[in-house]
Amino acid sequence: MWTLLKLIFCIDLNRLKKSGGLVRIHAKQLLYVFFLSCFSFQSNCNKAALAKAKRETKLESQPKVLRILSDRTQSHLLPIFERYKERTGIEIQSLFVEKGLLARLQTSPREADIVITKDADLMEIAKEKRIISSFRSDYIENIVPKEYRDSENFFFSDSYRGRVIFYSKDRVKASDLVSYKDLAHSKWKKKICIRSGYDDYNLNLFAQWLIIYGRKEGKELIQGLHDNLALNPSGNDRQQIRNILEKKCDLALANSYYMGIMLNTTDQRSWGLSSKVFFPDQKLSGTAILRSGLALTKNIENREASIKFLEYMVSPEVQKQTSELTFAYPVTNAVGLPKENVQLGEGQVEVKGGVFKINNVPLSEIAKLRQEVAQFLDQIQFDKAP
């Protein structure tokens, strides 16, 4: 109290002590102290009220709905969306399209807050067209390896799968294969099945061949593959593996995760059991992969909440859930692989527990070659078997 008086009224306390007298404080000064104390109390109350208001404003500003545009399989994403709603109270309003994701994004750039695609090279094209937005997240930068993040922070991948060769258990041995180049060998004449060459999966793979082997040799490989087709390219990846069971072909190009999906689907289990997975080029540059892609749209209303959702997609919990639902490989090392993935590549000494050597071809290079690949497919009439 004396210290406070000394500070406020500049009273010489030493002088008062020597005189042995008591300080006579004018009534006006006492009133001043009283009002000062009240002001201090009121100020603290105001600060508490302001902090409470800020918290309430933050809760009110949190969106009740996030909108997501995706071309991925609904059954693979909806359980993740539902879990996110349970944790945060934010509902995920999803719009799934089978084809035309880029066109939809370009014509309606603010229709959704987030875009999730099965093919990250589409996000590379979207970046060039500036129909997605860049963003920063320390969490994503720390947990997602550099090779699965766009260098300009426009998008990233949460999973990948190998574009591999499925082969007949009964008619082919792993030792019969080494590289994608084997697909052009005459020994496989009329023994290979593949979906349409114009499918995004194959446009991506063929573009990688032009990068890995060079344009000339890459196109020769595409031509050789076409010459060895057993059927006109049609259907999806699983249809090609079914063709192996039905002895319509001995080899098929498909994504690695379809083995796990088929083994866990009652009416498709026999398809998976009829074949094995071979990871090409393990003794060379590595197997080509297809990466998923996640990005923000041009909509800025729910930007902060959208980034939080993207961070959630690479959390250990969701990485594990994604791997178990889709049998795709997680981009982080925080979780293990499903038993179905561990068995992939049996018979290949270079593959250990389903883990294979990856050829991480830059997405920017793949995107540049898609049109050239499509034109070459037109030239050789790829979707018509010889």
Protein backbone atom coordinates (compact mmCIF):
# COMPACT_ATOMS: atom_id res chain seq x y z
CA MET A 1 0.00 0.00 0.00
CA TRP A 2 2.76 2.42 0.96
CA THR A 3 4.60 1.59 -2.25
CA LEU A 4 1.46 2.34 -4.25
CA LEU A 5 1.01 5.68 -2.46
CA LYS A 6 4.61 6.55 -3.03
CA LEU A 7 4.30 5.87 -6.72
CA ILE A 8 1.01 7.71 -7.15
CA PHE A 9 1.51 10.71 -4.91
CA CYS A 10 5.33 10.92 -4.75
CA ILE A 11 5.28 10.85 -0.91
CA ASP A 12 8.68 10.85 0.82
CA LEU A 13 8.18 7.89 3.18
CA ASN A 14 11.63 8.19 4.78
CA ARG A 15 10.82 11.73 5.86
CA LEU A 16 7.52 10.59 7.35
CA LYS A 17 9.19 7.78 9.27
CA LYS A 18 11.78 10.17 10.79
CA SER A 19 9.03 12.52 11.97
CA GLY A 20 7.18 9.55 13.45
CA GLY A 21 3.93 11.02 12.17
CA LEU A 22 1.12 9.49 10.25
CA VAL A 23 0.36 10.53 6.77
CA ARG A 24 -2.76 12.58 6.38
CA ILE A 25 -4.18 11.81 3.00
CA HIS A 26 -6.65 14.25 1.62
CA ALA A 27 -10.11 12.84 0.97
CA LYS A 28 -9.68 13.73 -2.68
CA GLN A 29 -6.62 11.48 -2.87
CA LEU A 30 -8.49 8.57 -1.23
CA LEU A 31 -11.25 8.87 -3.77
CA TYR A 32 -8.64 8.79 -6.51
CA VAL A 33 -7.20 5.52 -5.13
CA PHE A 34 -10.67 4.04 -4.89
CA PHE A 35 -11.57 4.87 -8.45
CA LEU A 36 -8.18 3.63 -9.67
CA SER A 37 -8.82 0.26 -8.03
CA CYS A 38 -12.27 0.04 -9.59
CA PHE A 39 -10.85 0.91 -12.99
CA SER A 40 -8.24 -1.85 -12.64
CA PHE A 41 -10.93 -4.38 -11.69
CA GLN A 42 -13.16 -3.29 -14.55
CA SER A 43 -10.24 -3.53 -16.99
CA ASN A 44 -9.59 -7.14 -15.97
CA CYS A 45 -13.29 -7.92 -16.37
CA ASN A 46 -13.26 -6.37 -19.83
CA LYS A 47 -10.23 -8.46 -20.81
CA ALA A 48 -11.96 -11.66 -19.70
CA ALA A 49 -15.12 -10.71 -21.57
CA LEU A 50 -13.10 -9.91 -24.69
CA ALA A 51 -11.28 -13.25 -24.54
CA LYS A 52 -14.62 -15.05 -24.17
CA ALA A 53 -16.05 -13.13 -27.12
CA LYS A 54 -13.05 -14.06 -29.25
CA ARG A 55 -13.51 -17.74 -28.41
CA GLU A 56 -17.20 -17.58 -29.25
CA THR A 57 -16.47 -15.73 -32.50
CA LYS A 58 -13.94 -18.40 -33.48
CA LEU A 59 -16.50 -21.13 -32.85
CA GLU A 60 -19.13 -19.23 -34.81
CA SER A 61 -16.71 -18.68 -37.71
CA GLN A 62 -15.93 -22.41 -37.94
CA PRO A 63 -17.83 -23.72 -40.97
CA LYS A 64 -20.52 -26.31 -40.45
CA VAL A 65 -19.84 -27.82 -43.88
CA LEU A 66 -16.78 -28.40 -46.08
CA ARG A 67 -17.37 -29.22 -49.74
CA ILE A 68 -15.12 -31.75 -51.49
CA LEU A 69 -14.90 -32.57 -55.19
CA SER A 70 -13.34 -35.96 -55.97
CA ASP A 71 -12.89 -38.63 -58.63
CA ARG A 72 -11.80 -41.25 -56.12
CA THR A 73 -13.94 -44.22 -55.09
CA GLN A 74 -16.76 -43.14 -52.77
CA SER A 75 -16.51 -46.16 -50.49
CA HIS A 76 -12.84 -45.34 -49.85
CA LEU A 77 -13.47 -41.76 -48.74
CA LEU A 78 -16.90 -41.66 -47.09
CA PRO A 79 -15.81 -43.53 -43.91
CA ILE A 80 -13.00 -40.98 -43.49
CA PHE A 81 -15.42 -38.08 -43.99
CA GLU A 82 -17.82 -39.54 -41.42
CA ARG A 83 -15.04 -39.96 -38.88
CA TYR A 84 -13.99 -36.34 -39.40
CA LYS A 85 -17.53 -35.16 -38.72
CA GLU A 86 -17.60 -37.16 -35.48
CA ARG A 87 -14.34 -35.55 -34.35
CA THR A 88 -15.00 -31.95 -35.38
CA GLY A 89 -18.73 -31.52 -35.96
CA ILE A 90 -17.98 -30.38 -39.51
CA GLU A 91 -20.03 -32.18 -42.15
CA ILE A 92 -18.33 -33.13 -45.41
CA GLN A 93 -20.50 -32.45 -48.43
CA SER A 94 -19.01 -34.57 -51.19
CA LEU A 95 -19.42 -34.48 -54.95
CA PHE A 96 -18.00 -37.51 -56.77
CA VAL A 97 -17.35 -37.57 -60.51
CA GLU A 98 -16.07 -40.50 -62.56
CA LYS A 99 -14.57 -38.39 -65.34
CA GLY A 100 -14.01 -34.75 -66.19
CA LEU A 101 -12.64 -33.63 -62.84
CA LEU A 102 -10.47 -30.90 -64.36
CA ALA A 103 -13.26 -29.63 -66.60
CA ARG A 104 -15.61 -29.46 -63.61
CA LEU A 105 -13.00 -27.63 -61.56
CA GLN A 106 -12.34 -25.18 -64.37
CA THR A 107 -15.99 -24.33 -65.03
CA SER A 108 -16.94 -24.17 -61.33
CA PRO A 109 -13.74 -23.18 -59.50
CA ARG A 110 -15.54 -22.26 -56.25
CA GLU A 111 -18.03 -25.10 -56.19
CA ALA A 112 -15.94 -26.91 -53.59
CA ASP A 113 -13.38 -26.05 -50.92
CA ILE A 114 -11.12 -29.06 -51.52
CA VAL A 115 -10.34 -31.34 -54.45
CA ILE A 116 -9.13 -34.93 -54.03
CA THR A 117 -8.04 -36.92 -57.06
CA LYS A 118 -6.71 -40.39 -57.78
CA ASP A 119 -4.15 -38.89 -60.20
CA ALA A 120 -1.85 -36.17 -58.90
CA ASP A 121 -0.69 -35.28 -62.40
CA LEU A 122 -4.18 -33.78 -62.87
CA MET A 123 -3.32 -31.40 -60.04
CA GLU A 124 -0.13 -30.47 -61.86
CA ILE A 125 -2.29 -29.46 -64.84
CA ALA A 126 -4.70 -27.64 -62.50
CA LYS A 127 -1.74 -25.72 -61.05
CA GLU A 128 -0.63 -24.63 -64.51
CA LYS A 129 -4.17 -23.44 -65.24
CA ARG A 130 -4.25 -21.71 -61.81
CA ILE A 131 -7.57 -23.27 -60.86
CA ILE A 132 -6.26 -24.43 -57.46
CA SER A 133 -4.63 -22.39 -54.69
CA SER A 134 -1.25 -22.67 -53.00
CA PHE A 135 -1.12 -22.97 -49.21
CA ARG A 136 1.34 -23.57 -46.39
CA SER A 137 1.13 -26.09 -43.58
CA ASP A 138 4.04 -26.82 -41.25
CA TYR A 139 2.39 -30.11 -40.31
CA ILE A 140 2.15 -31.35 -43.91
CA GLU A 141 5.68 -30.16 -44.71
CA ASN A 142 7.03 -32.05 -41.70
CA ILE A 143 5.16 -35.32 -42.16
CA VAL A 144 4.88 -35.73 -45.95
CA PRO A 145 8.20 -36.48 -47.73
CA LYS A 146 9.36 -33.89 -50.23
CA GLU A 147 8.83 -36.17 -53.23
CA TYR A 148 5.10 -36.29 -52.46
CA ARG A 149 4.67 -32.50 -52.15
CA ASP A 150 4.44 -29.93 -54.92
CA SER A 151 7.49 -27.65 -54.82
CA GLU A 152 5.23 -24.58 -54.93
CA ASN A 153 2.80 -25.89 -52.28
CA PHE A 154 -0.21 -26.25 -54.56
CA PHE A 155 -0.93 -29.91 -53.75
CA PHE A 156 0.43 -33.06 -52.13
CA SER A 157 -0.20 -36.82 -52.12
CA ASP A 158 -1.52 -38.91 -49.27
CA SER A 159 -0.97 -42.30 -50.93
CA TYR A 160 0.42 -44.06 -53.99
CA ARG A 161 0.20 -47.41 -55.78
CA GLY A 162 2.46 -49.23 -58.19
CA ARG A 163 1.41 -49.63 -61.83
CA VAL A 164 2.42 -53.27 -61.93
CA ILE A 165 2.21 -56.48 -63.95
CA PHE A 166 -0.25 -59.13 -62.77
CA TYR A 167 0.70 -62.58 -64.04
CA SER A 168 -0.91 -66.03 -64.06
CA LYS A 169 0.16 -68.21 -61.15
CA ASP A 170 -0.17 -71.32 -63.28
CA ARG A 171 1.33 -70.22 -66.59
CA VAL A 172 4.00 -67.63 -65.72
CA LYS A 173 6.89 -67.44 -63.25
CA ALA A 174 8.31 -64.28 -61.66
CA SER A 175 11.65 -65.16 -63.25
CA ASP A 176 10.05 -64.74 -66.70
CA LEU A 177 9.85 -60.98 -66.08
CA VAL A 178 12.31 -58.18 -65.37
CA SER A 179 11.11 -54.90 -66.83
CA TYR A 180 8.16 -53.12 -68.44
CA LYS A 181 10.15 -53.65 -71.64
CA ASP A 182 9.28 -57.36 -71.46
CA LEU A 183 5.73 -56.42 -72.44
CA ALA A 184 6.97 -55.77 -76.00
CA HIS A 185 8.69 -59.17 -76.32
CA SER A 186 7.27 -61.52 -78.94
CA LYS A 187 6.94 -64.33 -76.37
CA TRP A 188 3.89 -62.50 -75.01
CA LYS A 189 2.13 -62.27 -78.38
CA LYS A 190 -1.66 -62.22 -77.78
CA LYS A 191 -1.10 -62.82 -74.07
CA ILE A 192 -1.50 -59.34 -72.55
CA CYS A 193 -4.63 -57.53 -71.34
CA ILE A 194 -5.01 -53.83 -70.49
CA ARG A 195 -7.79 -51.27 -70.07
CA SER A 196 -8.09 -48.39 -72.57
CA GLY A 197 -4.81 -46.69 -73.34
CA TYR A 198 -6.58 -43.35 -72.93
CA ASP A 199 -7.49 -44.05 -69.31
CA ASP A 200 -5.73 -41.65 -66.92
CA TYR A 201 -3.83 -44.55 -65.35
CA ASN A 202 -2.30 -45.55 -68.67
CA LEU A 203 -1.71 -42.04 -69.99
CA ASN A 204 0.28 -41.47 -66.81
CA LEU A 205 2.22 -44.74 -67.15
CA PHE A 206 2.99 -44.28 -70.85
CA ALA A 207 4.19 -40.72 -70.22
CA GLN A 208 6.54 -42.12 -67.56
CA TRP A 209 7.89 -44.63 -70.08
CA LEU A 210 8.78 -41.78 -72.45
CA ILE A 211 10.67 -40.11 -69.59
CA ILE A 212 12.35 -43.23 -68.19
CA TYR A 213 13.37 -44.85 -71.50
CA GLY A 214 13.42 -41.80 -73.75
CA ARG A 215 10.79 -40.77 -76.29
CA LYS A 216 11.86 -43.14 -79.07
CA GLU A 217 12.27 -46.26 -76.92
CA GLY A 218 9.18 -45.40 -74.86
CA LYS A 219 7.00 -45.23 -77.95
CA GLU A 220 8.48 -48.45 -79.26
CA LEU A 221 7.46 -50.07 -75.98
CA ILE A 222 3.88 -48.76 -76.30
CA GLN A 223 3.77 -50.09 -79.89
CA GLY A 224 5.17 -53.47 -78.80
CA LEU A 225 2.63 -53.71 -75.98
CA HIS A 226 -0.16 -53.00 -78.44
CA ASP A 227 1.12 -55.70 -80.80
CA ASN A 228 0.93 -58.25 -77.97
CA LEU A 229 -2.64 -57.49 -76.88
CA ALA A 230 -4.95 -60.49 -76.58
CA LEU A 231 -8.15 -58.40 -76.63
CA ASN A 232 -9.34 -54.91 -77.46
CA PRO A 233 -8.60 -52.75 -74.38
CA SER A 234 -11.81 -52.35 -72.38
CA GLY A 235 -13.19 -52.58 -68.86
CA ASN A 236 -11.37 -51.63 -65.67
CA ASP A 237 -8.19 -53.01 -64.09
CA ARG A 238 -9.98 -55.81 -62.29
CA GLN A 239 -11.53 -57.01 -65.56
CA GLN A 240 -8.02 -57.56 -66.93
CA ILE A 241 -7.13 -59.75 -63.95
CA ARG A 242 -10.39 -61.66 -64.38
CA ASN A 243 -9.27 -62.28 -67.96
CA ILE A 244 -6.18 -64.03 -66.55
CA LEU A 245 -8.40 -66.40 -64.56
CA GLU A 246 -10.48 -67.06 -67.67
CA LYS A 247 -7.26 -67.77 -69.67
CA LYS A 248 -7.88 -64.93 -72.09
CA CYS A 249 -4.39 -63.63 -71.30
CA ASP A 250 -1.38 -64.40 -69.11
CA LEU A 251 -0.31 -60.87 -68.16
CA ALA A 252 -2.22 -57.69 -67.27
CA LEU A 253 -1.23 -54.14 -66.40
CA ALA A 254 -3.06 -52.89 -63.31
CA ASN A 255 -2.63 -51.00 -60.05
CA SER A 256 -1.10 -52.87 -57.12
CA TYR A 257 -3.95 -52.13 -54.71
CA TYR A 258 -6.44 -54.15 -56.73
CA MET A 259 -4.99 -57.36 -55.37
CA GLY A 260 -6.05 -56.47 -51.82
CA ILE A 261 -9.43 -55.22 -53.00
CA MET A 262 -10.16 -58.43 -54.95
CA LEU A 263 -9.04 -60.72 -52.13
CA ASN A 264 -11.51 -58.94 -49.85
CA THR A 265 -14.43 -58.96 -52.29
CA THR A 266 -16.31 -62.25 -52.25
CA ASP A 267 -17.19 -62.49 -55.93
CA GLN A 268 -13.72 -61.32 -57.03
CA ARG A 269 -11.53 -63.31 -54.67
CA SER A 270 -10.94 -66.04 -57.26
CA TRP A 271 -9.65 -63.40 -59.69
CA GLY A 272 -6.99 -62.30 -57.23
CA LEU A 273 -6.07 -65.86 -56.26
CA SER A 274 -5.41 -66.73 -59.91
CA SER A 275 -2.54 -64.24 -60.20
CA LYS A 276 0.49 -62.66 -58.56
CA VAL A 277 1.95 -59.16 -58.65
CA PHE A 278 5.29 -58.34 -60.27
CA PHE A 279 7.04 -55.01 -59.64
CA PRO A 280 8.90 -54.17 -62.89
CA ASP A 281 12.39 -52.69 -63.10
CA GLN A 282 13.39 -53.51 -59.52
CA LYS A 283 16.92 -54.27 -60.74
CA LEU A 284 16.94 -51.01 -62.70
CA SER A 285 15.33 -47.61 -62.04
CA GLY A 286 12.31 -48.88 -60.10
CA THR A 287 8.57 -49.32 -60.62
CA ALA A 288 6.37 -46.47 -61.86
CA ILE A 289 3.78 -45.26 -59.36
CA LEU A 290 0.52 -43.36 -59.52
CA ARG A 291 0.00 -40.75 -56.80
CA SER A 292 -3.17 -39.33 -55.33
CA GLY A 293 -3.55 -35.55 -55.16
CA LEU A 294 -5.14 -33.18 -52.64
CA ALA A 295 -5.46 -29.41 -53.04
CA LEU A 296 -7.44 -26.30 -52.16
CA THR A 297 -9.75 -24.78 -54.74
CA LYS A 298 -9.96 -21.03 -55.43
CA ASN A 299 -12.68 -20.71 -52.78
CA ILE A 300 -11.27 -18.73 -49.83
CA GLU A 301 -14.25 -18.68 -47.46
CA ASN A 302 -13.28 -21.83 -45.55
CA ARG A 303 -9.55 -21.77 -46.19
CA GLU A 304 -8.33 -22.29 -42.61
CA ALA A 305 -10.75 -25.15 -41.95
CA SER A 306 -9.88 -26.70 -45.31
CA ILE A 307 -6.18 -26.76 -44.46
CA LYS A 308 -7.01 -28.44 -41.14
CA PHE A 309 -8.86 -31.14 -43.07
CA LEU A 310 -5.92 -31.67 -45.43
CA GLU A 311 -3.66 -32.09 -42.39
CA TYR A 312 -6.10 -34.66 -41.02
CA MET A 313 -5.76 -36.68 -44.24
CA VAL A 314 -2.08 -37.37 -43.53
CA SER A 315 -2.41 -37.94 -39.80
CA PRO A 316 -1.26 -41.41 -38.64
CA GLU A 317 -4.88 -42.36 -37.93
CA VAL A 318 -6.10 -41.60 -41.45
CA GLN A 319 -2.95 -42.94 -43.14
CA LYS A 320 -3.68 -46.27 -41.46
CA GLN A 321 -7.38 -46.08 -42.32
CA THR A 322 -6.64 -45.24 -45.97
CA SER A 323 -4.17 -48.10 -46.30
CA GLU A 324 -6.62 -50.59 -44.80
CA LEU A 325 -9.55 -49.36 -46.92
CA THR A 326 -7.79 -49.01 -50.26
CA PHE A 327 -4.60 -51.09 -49.98
CA ALA A 328 -2.71 -48.09 -51.37
CA TYR A 329 0.70 -47.34 -49.90
CA PRO A 330 0.77 -44.50 -47.31
CA VAL A 331 3.21 -41.64 -47.97
CA THR A 332 4.33 -41.47 -44.33
CA ASN A 333 6.25 -44.08 -42.38
CA ALA A 334 3.95 -43.76 -39.37
CA VAL A 335 1.93 -46.89 -40.16
CA GLY A 336 2.60 -50.42 -41.36
CA LEU A 337 1.20 -52.17 -44.42
CA PRO A 338 -1.86 -54.46 -44.60
CA LYS A 339 -1.04 -58.16 -44.86
CA GLU A 340 -2.31 -58.14 -48.45
CA ASN A 341 0.37 -55.61 -49.42
CA VAL A 342 3.11 -57.45 -47.54
CA GLN A 343 2.59 -60.44 -49.87
CA LEU A 344 2.96 -58.41 -53.07
CA GLY A 345 6.07 -59.13 -55.13
CA GLU A 346 6.47 -62.70 -53.87
CA GLY A 347 9.32 -64.38 -55.70
CA GLN A 348 11.22 -61.10 -56.29
CA VAL A 349 14.34 -60.99 -54.14
CA GLU A 350 14.47 -57.19 -54.43
CA VAL A 351 11.00 -56.78 -52.85
CA LYS A 352 10.83 -57.18 -49.07
CA GLY A 353 7.49 -57.34 -47.28
CA GLY A 354 5.71 -55.64 -50.15
CA VAL A 355 8.12 -52.69 -50.10
CA PHE A 356 9.50 -52.01 -53.57
CA LYS A 357 11.92 -49.66 -55.30
CA ILE A 358 10.06 -46.61 -56.62
CA ASN A 359 10.87 -44.51 -59.66
CA ASN A 360 9.59 -41.09 -58.62
CA VAL A 361 9.21 -39.41 -62.00
CA PRO A 362 8.42 -35.67 -61.59
CA LEU A 363 4.72 -34.99 -62.06
CA SER A 364 5.47 -31.80 -63.99
CA GLU A 365 7.24 -33.88 -66.65
CA ILE A 366 4.43 -36.44 -66.81
CA ALA A 367 1.78 -33.74 -67.29
CA LYS A 368 3.69 -32.23 -70.22
CA LEU A 369 3.67 -35.53 -72.13
CA ARG A 370 0.05 -36.63 -71.71
CA GLN A 371 -1.09 -34.97 -74.94
CA GLU A 372 1.82 -36.37 -76.92
CA VAL A 373 1.03 -39.85 -75.61
CA ALA A 374 -2.65 -39.51 -76.55
CA GLN A 375 -1.70 -38.45 -80.08
CA PHE A 376 0.59 -41.44 -80.44
CA LEU A 377 -2.21 -43.76 -79.25
CA ASP A 378 -4.39 -42.29 -82.00
CA GLN A 379 -1.66 -42.91 -84.52
CA ILE A 380 -1.27 -46.61 -83.72
CA GLN A 381 -4.98 -47.17 -82.92
CA PHE A 382 -4.02 -48.52 -79.52
CA ASP A 383 -7.52 -49.46 -78.38
CA LYS A 384 -7.93 -51.85 -81.30
CA ALA A 385 -6.04 -55.11 -80.83
CA PRO A 386 -4.08 -56.36 -83.87
